[in-house]
Protein backbone atom coordinates (compact mmCIF):
# COMPACT_ATOMS: atom_id res chain seq x y z
CA MET A 1 0.15 29.35 -33.18
CA ALA A 2 0.46 32.47 -31.04
CA GLU A 3 3.85 34.12 -30.57
CA LEU A 4 5.47 33.25 -27.26
CA LYS A 5 5.85 36.23 -24.94
CA GLY A 6 7.41 37.14 -21.60
CA LEU A 7 9.19 34.35 -19.75
CA LYS A 8 8.18 31.75 -22.36
CA LYS A 9 9.75 33.65 -25.27
CA PRO A 10 13.13 32.17 -26.25
CA VAL A 11 16.09 34.47 -25.65
CA LYS A 12 19.63 34.30 -27.05
CA LEU A 13 22.12 32.90 -24.55
CA LYS A 14 25.57 34.42 -24.09
CA ALA A 15 28.50 32.07 -24.79
CA ASP A 16 29.11 30.58 -21.31
CA LEU A 17 25.43 29.93 -20.63
CA ALA A 18 24.95 28.52 -24.15
CA GLU A 19 27.83 26.12 -23.49
CA PHE A 20 26.31 25.18 -20.10
CA CYS A 21 22.83 24.52 -21.58
CA GLY A 22 24.03 23.06 -24.88
CA VAL A 23 21.81 25.36 -26.96
CA SER A 24 21.96 28.95 -28.21
CA SER A 25 18.46 30.05 -27.19
CA LEU A 26 15.88 29.06 -24.57
CA PRO A 27 13.00 30.69 -22.70
CA ARG A 28 14.05 32.12 -19.31
CA THR A 29 11.90 29.52 -17.54
CA GLU A 30 13.83 26.71 -19.25
CA ILE A 31 17.21 28.32 -18.48
CA THR A 32 16.30 28.37 -14.80
CA LYS A 33 15.15 24.72 -14.98
CA GLU A 34 18.45 23.69 -16.59
CA LEU A 35 20.47 25.47 -13.89
CA TRP A 36 18.41 23.90 -11.09
CA LYS A 37 18.57 20.43 -12.65
CA TYR A 38 22.37 20.69 -12.62
CA ILE A 39 22.51 22.15 -9.08
CA LYS A 40 20.30 19.37 -7.71
CA SER A 41 22.11 16.59 -9.61
CA LYS A 42 25.46 17.75 -8.19
CA LYS A 43 23.99 18.42 -4.70
CA LEU A 44 25.25 22.03 -4.77
CA GLN A 45 22.92 23.51 -2.15
CA THR A 46 23.79 24.52 1.41
CA ARG A 47 21.96 26.07 4.36
CA SER A 48 24.59 28.73 5.12
CA ALA A 49 26.45 31.38 3.11
CA ASN A 50 29.75 29.88 1.91
CA GLY A 51 28.89 26.57 3.58
CA LYS A 52 29.82 23.16 2.24
CA PRO A 53 27.39 21.48 -0.21
CA GLU A 54 24.77 19.54 1.75
CA ASN A 55 22.03 19.08 -0.88
CA ALA A 56 19.55 21.37 0.90
CA GLY A 57 19.15 25.02 1.69
CA LYS A 58 18.76 28.38 0.00
CA TYR A 59 22.39 28.91 -1.00
CA ILE A 60 23.97 27.55 -4.18
CA VAL A 61 27.61 26.49 -4.10
CA ALA A 62 29.53 27.40 -7.26
CA ASP A 63 31.51 24.57 -8.80
CA ALA A 64 33.80 25.16 -11.80
CA LYS A 65 30.97 24.72 -14.34
CA LEU A 66 28.53 27.10 -12.59
CA LEU A 67 31.29 29.60 -11.86
CA LYS A 68 31.79 30.26 -15.60
CA VAL A 69 28.15 31.38 -15.79
CA PHE A 70 27.94 33.14 -12.41
CA LYS A 71 31.06 35.28 -13.06
CA ASN A 72 29.27 37.04 -15.94
CA THR A 73 26.82 38.60 -13.47
CA ASN A 74 27.04 42.30 -12.65
CA SER A 75 23.59 43.85 -12.64
CA THR A 76 21.15 46.01 -10.72
CA SER A 77 17.53 44.89 -10.48
CA LYS A 78 14.53 47.19 -10.91
CA SER A 79 14.21 47.22 -7.11
CA GLY A 80 17.80 48.49 -6.83
CA ASN A 81 19.49 45.28 -5.62
CA HIS A 82 23.01 45.04 -7.03
CA THR A 83 24.46 41.60 -7.84
CA ASP A 84 28.16 41.49 -8.71
CA LEU A 85 29.58 37.97 -8.96
CA ARG A 86 32.61 38.81 -11.10
CA ASN A 87 35.08 38.06 -8.29
CA MET A 88 33.42 34.83 -7.20
CA LYS A 89 35.61 31.79 -6.58
CA GLU A 90 34.85 28.09 -6.73
CA GLY A 91 33.14 27.07 -3.48
CA ASP A 92 31.57 30.52 -2.91
CA THR A 93 27.78 30.66 -2.65
CA ILE A 94 24.94 32.78 -3.97
CA ASP A 95 21.47 33.12 -2.49
CA MET A 96 18.90 31.32 -4.66
CA MET A 97 17.10 34.66 -4.98
CA GLN A 98 20.06 35.86 -7.10
CA MET A 99 19.30 33.30 -9.83
CA ALA A 100 17.12 35.79 -11.74
CA ALA A 101 20.08 38.19 -11.87
CA VAL A 102 22.35 35.37 -13.11
CA VAL A 103 19.90 34.45 -15.88
CA SER A 104 19.39 38.11 -16.91
CA ALA A 105 23.13 38.76 -17.04
CA ASN A 106 23.69 35.75 -19.31
CA VAL A 107 21.12 36.45 -22.03
CA GLU A 108 21.06 39.03 -24.80
């Protein structure tokens, strides 16, 4: 069997994400699926920044469980976008486009 590469290659999860996912390593694609499965099951999406959860929209509302993972994020993407979620509070939102930064910040 060929070695898995890129997004399908398992990566080591940092402690808070490992606790969230229940495993110590996963491919990035599976990490994202686990986060979205949780977000959708808890109806944690909203149409406006810092809006109330309404189960639709491009913003993700942080509950206590997601907040533990989100607060580990402080990174700059290759395109120069800076994502710093260290001061986030429960009920704050992130744009769904920031999910890649959250995943990257929570893997080794």
